[in-house]
Amino acid sequence: MKITISDSASKWFQDEMGLSAGNGVRFYGKVYGSTPVHEGFSLALTRDDHPHDIYSQTIKDGISYYINQGDEWFFKGYDFGVDYDPNKDKDSVIYSYTPNGDLPMDNSDMGTKSTDTSTGASQHSDTSTGASSH
């Protein structure tokens, strides 16, 4: 899984979030909404300067853009691109999901995946036992 940040998107993140070298942005899936590849889940991001449990990461202009292992389910099977189009809508960041041949996880034997709306953390619930883990 590859993350690509365009030059214009990097500048947008720096300007809008006050980022500079050494800072970080974490992308994750959250409950509600939709994306071109997920119904019922949408993309979220947060500033997080301390990457950990990294599933995928790219460094652009000294800023770490990454996805944690716990959010692999949301991105698996796709390369993730971030661009910025100043002509679309005011401050419009564009996200793209490009199939990469890495098949998404099969939920049939993995239980149900959800996002904790209070923390934004991904969870995996084992439907056979009712247990959940972060």
Protein backbone atom coordinates (compact mmCIF):
# COMPACT_ATOMS: atom_id res chain seq x y z
CA MET A 1 0.00 0.00 0.00
CA LYS A 2 1.43 3.30 -1.09
CA ILE A 3 0.51 6.81 0.08
CA THR A 4 1.11 9.66 -2.37
CA ILE A 5 0.88 13.33 -1.37
CA SER A 6 1.05 15.87 -4.20
CA ASP A 7 3.11 19.03 -3.88
CA SER A 8 -0.05 21.15 -3.78
CA ALA A 9 -1.62 18.93 -1.08
CA SER A 10 1.55 19.14 1.01
CA LYS A 11 1.44 22.92 0.82
CA TRP A 12 -2.27 22.89 1.75
CA PHE A 13 -1.60 20.74 4.84
CA GLN A 14 1.26 23.04 5.86
CA ASP A 15 -0.85 26.17 5.45
CA GLU A 16 -4.14 24.86 6.88
CA MET A 17 -2.79 22.74 9.73
CA GLY A 18 0.35 24.75 10.50
CA LEU A 19 2.57 21.75 9.77
CA SER A 20 6.31 21.79 9.34
CA ALA A 21 9.10 19.22 9.20
CA GLY A 22 8.79 16.76 12.07
CA ASN A 23 4.99 16.91 12.23
CA GLY A 24 2.62 14.15 11.17
CA VAL A 25 -0.86 13.46 9.79
CA ARG A 26 -2.65 10.17 10.45
CA PHE A 27 -5.40 8.99 8.09
CA TYR A 28 -8.05 6.57 9.31
CA GLY A 29 -11.52 5.25 8.61
CA LYS A 30 -14.46 6.37 10.70
CA VAL A 31 -18.08 5.33 10.97
CA TYR A 32 -20.74 7.15 8.89
CA GLY A 33 -20.51 8.59 5.43
CA SER A 34 -19.00 6.90 2.44
CA THR A 35 -16.02 6.90 0.12
CA PRO A 36 -15.74 5.64 -3.44
CA VAL A 37 -14.71 2.26 -1.98
CA HIS A 38 -16.60 2.08 1.35
CA GLU A 39 -20.26 2.51 2.18
CA GLY A 40 -20.97 3.44 5.81
CA PHE A 41 -17.42 4.64 6.51
CA SER A 42 -15.60 7.82 5.63
CA LEU A 43 -12.03 9.03 5.67
CA ALA A 44 -10.77 11.06 8.60
CA LEU A 45 -7.45 12.61 9.48
CA THR A 46 -5.81 14.06 12.53
CA ARG A 47 -2.53 15.68 13.36
CA ASP A 48 -0.38 13.13 15.12
CA ASP A 49 3.32 13.88 15.38
CA HIS A 50 4.23 10.48 16.85
CA PRO A 51 3.64 7.69 14.31
CA HIS A 52 3.34 4.21 15.81
CA ASP A 53 2.17 0.78 14.64
CA ILE A 54 2.60 1.97 11.05
CA TYR A 55 0.84 0.13 8.23
CA SER A 56 1.94 2.59 5.54
CA GLN A 57 3.84 5.87 5.61
CA THR A 58 5.30 8.48 3.31
CA ILE A 59 7.37 11.52 4.16
CA LYS A 60 6.76 14.68 2.14
CA ASP A 61 8.53 17.96 2.94
CA GLY A 62 9.64 16.43 6.25
CA ILE A 63 6.05 15.68 7.31
CA SER A 64 4.98 12.09 8.01
CA TYR A 65 1.68 11.03 6.42
CA TYR A 66 0.68 7.62 7.67
CA ILE A 67 -1.87 4.95 8.47
CA ASN A 68 -1.75 2.78 11.60
CA GLN A 69 -1.95 -1.02 11.50
CA GLY A 70 -5.40 -0.83 13.13
CA ASP A 71 -6.74 0.97 10.06
CA GLU A 72 -5.37 -1.48 7.51
CA TRP A 73 -8.93 -2.73 6.91
CA PHE A 74 -9.97 0.65 5.50
CA PHE A 75 -7.09 0.98 3.02
CA LYS A 76 -6.12 -2.62 2.18
CA GLY A 77 -6.33 -3.31 -1.54
CA TYR A 78 -5.73 0.31 -2.54
CA ASP A 79 -2.97 2.85 -2.93
CA PHE A 80 -4.07 6.14 -1.37
CA GLY A 81 -3.50 9.49 -3.04
CA VAL A 82 -4.01 13.01 -1.73
CA ASP A 83 -4.13 16.03 -4.01
CA TYR A 84 -5.37 19.61 -3.78
CA ASP A 85 -7.41 21.47 -6.39
CA PRO A 86 -7.75 25.19 -5.64
CA ASN A 87 -10.28 25.52 -8.49
CA LYS A 88 -12.75 22.84 -7.33
CA ASP A 89 -14.23 24.11 -4.05
CA LYS A 90 -12.63 26.40 -1.55
CA ASP A 91 -9.85 24.43 0.10
CA SER A 92 -10.79 21.16 -1.57
CA VAL A 93 -8.50 18.23 -0.84
CA ILE A 94 -9.05 15.29 -3.17
CA TYR A 95 -8.56 11.69 -2.04
CA SER A 96 -8.12 8.81 -4.46
CA TYR A 97 -8.13 5.05 -3.97
CA THR A 98 -6.34 3.07 -6.68
CA PRO A 99 -6.64 -0.73 -6.64
CA ASN A 100 -3.20 -2.24 -6.08
CA GLY A 101 -3.95 -5.96 -6.35
CA ASP A 102 -3.65 -6.52 -2.60
CA LEU A 103 -7.09 -7.95 -1.88
CA PRO A 104 -9.11 -6.38 0.95
CA MET A 105 -9.53 -8.52 4.04
CA ASP A 106 -12.44 -10.98 3.98
CA ASN A 107 -14.75 -10.16 6.89
CA SER A 108 -16.55 -13.51 6.74
CA ASP A 109 -14.26 -15.07 9.33
CA MET A 110 -12.90 -11.91 10.91
CA GLY A 111 -16.01 -10.52 12.60
CA THR A 112 -17.27 -7.01 12.10
CA LYS A 113 -14.99 -4.00 11.86
CA SER A 114 -16.13 -0.64 13.21
CA THR A 115 -14.73 2.67 14.35
CA ASP A 116 -15.05 4.01 17.88
CA THR A 117 -16.80 7.32 17.27
CA SER A 118 -15.66 8.75 20.60
CA THR A 119 -11.95 8.18 19.95
CA GLY A 120 -11.74 7.51 16.22
CA ALA A 121 -9.87 4.27 17.00
CA SER A 122 -10.53 1.26 14.84
CA GLN A 123 -11.96 -1.80 16.50
CA HIS A 124 -12.39 -5.40 15.54
CA SER A 125 -15.32 -7.23 17.08
CA ASP A 126 -15.39 -11.00 17.07
CA THR A 127 -19.05 -11.76 16.34
CA SER A 128 -18.70 -15.31 17.62
CA THR A 129 -17.68 -14.26 21.14
CA GLY A 130 -18.79 -10.64 21.30
CA ALA A 131 -15.25 -9.64 22.28
CA SER A 132 -13.63 -6.61 20.78
CA SER A 133 -10.06 -5.44 20.55
CA HIS A 134 -8.28 -2.22 19.55
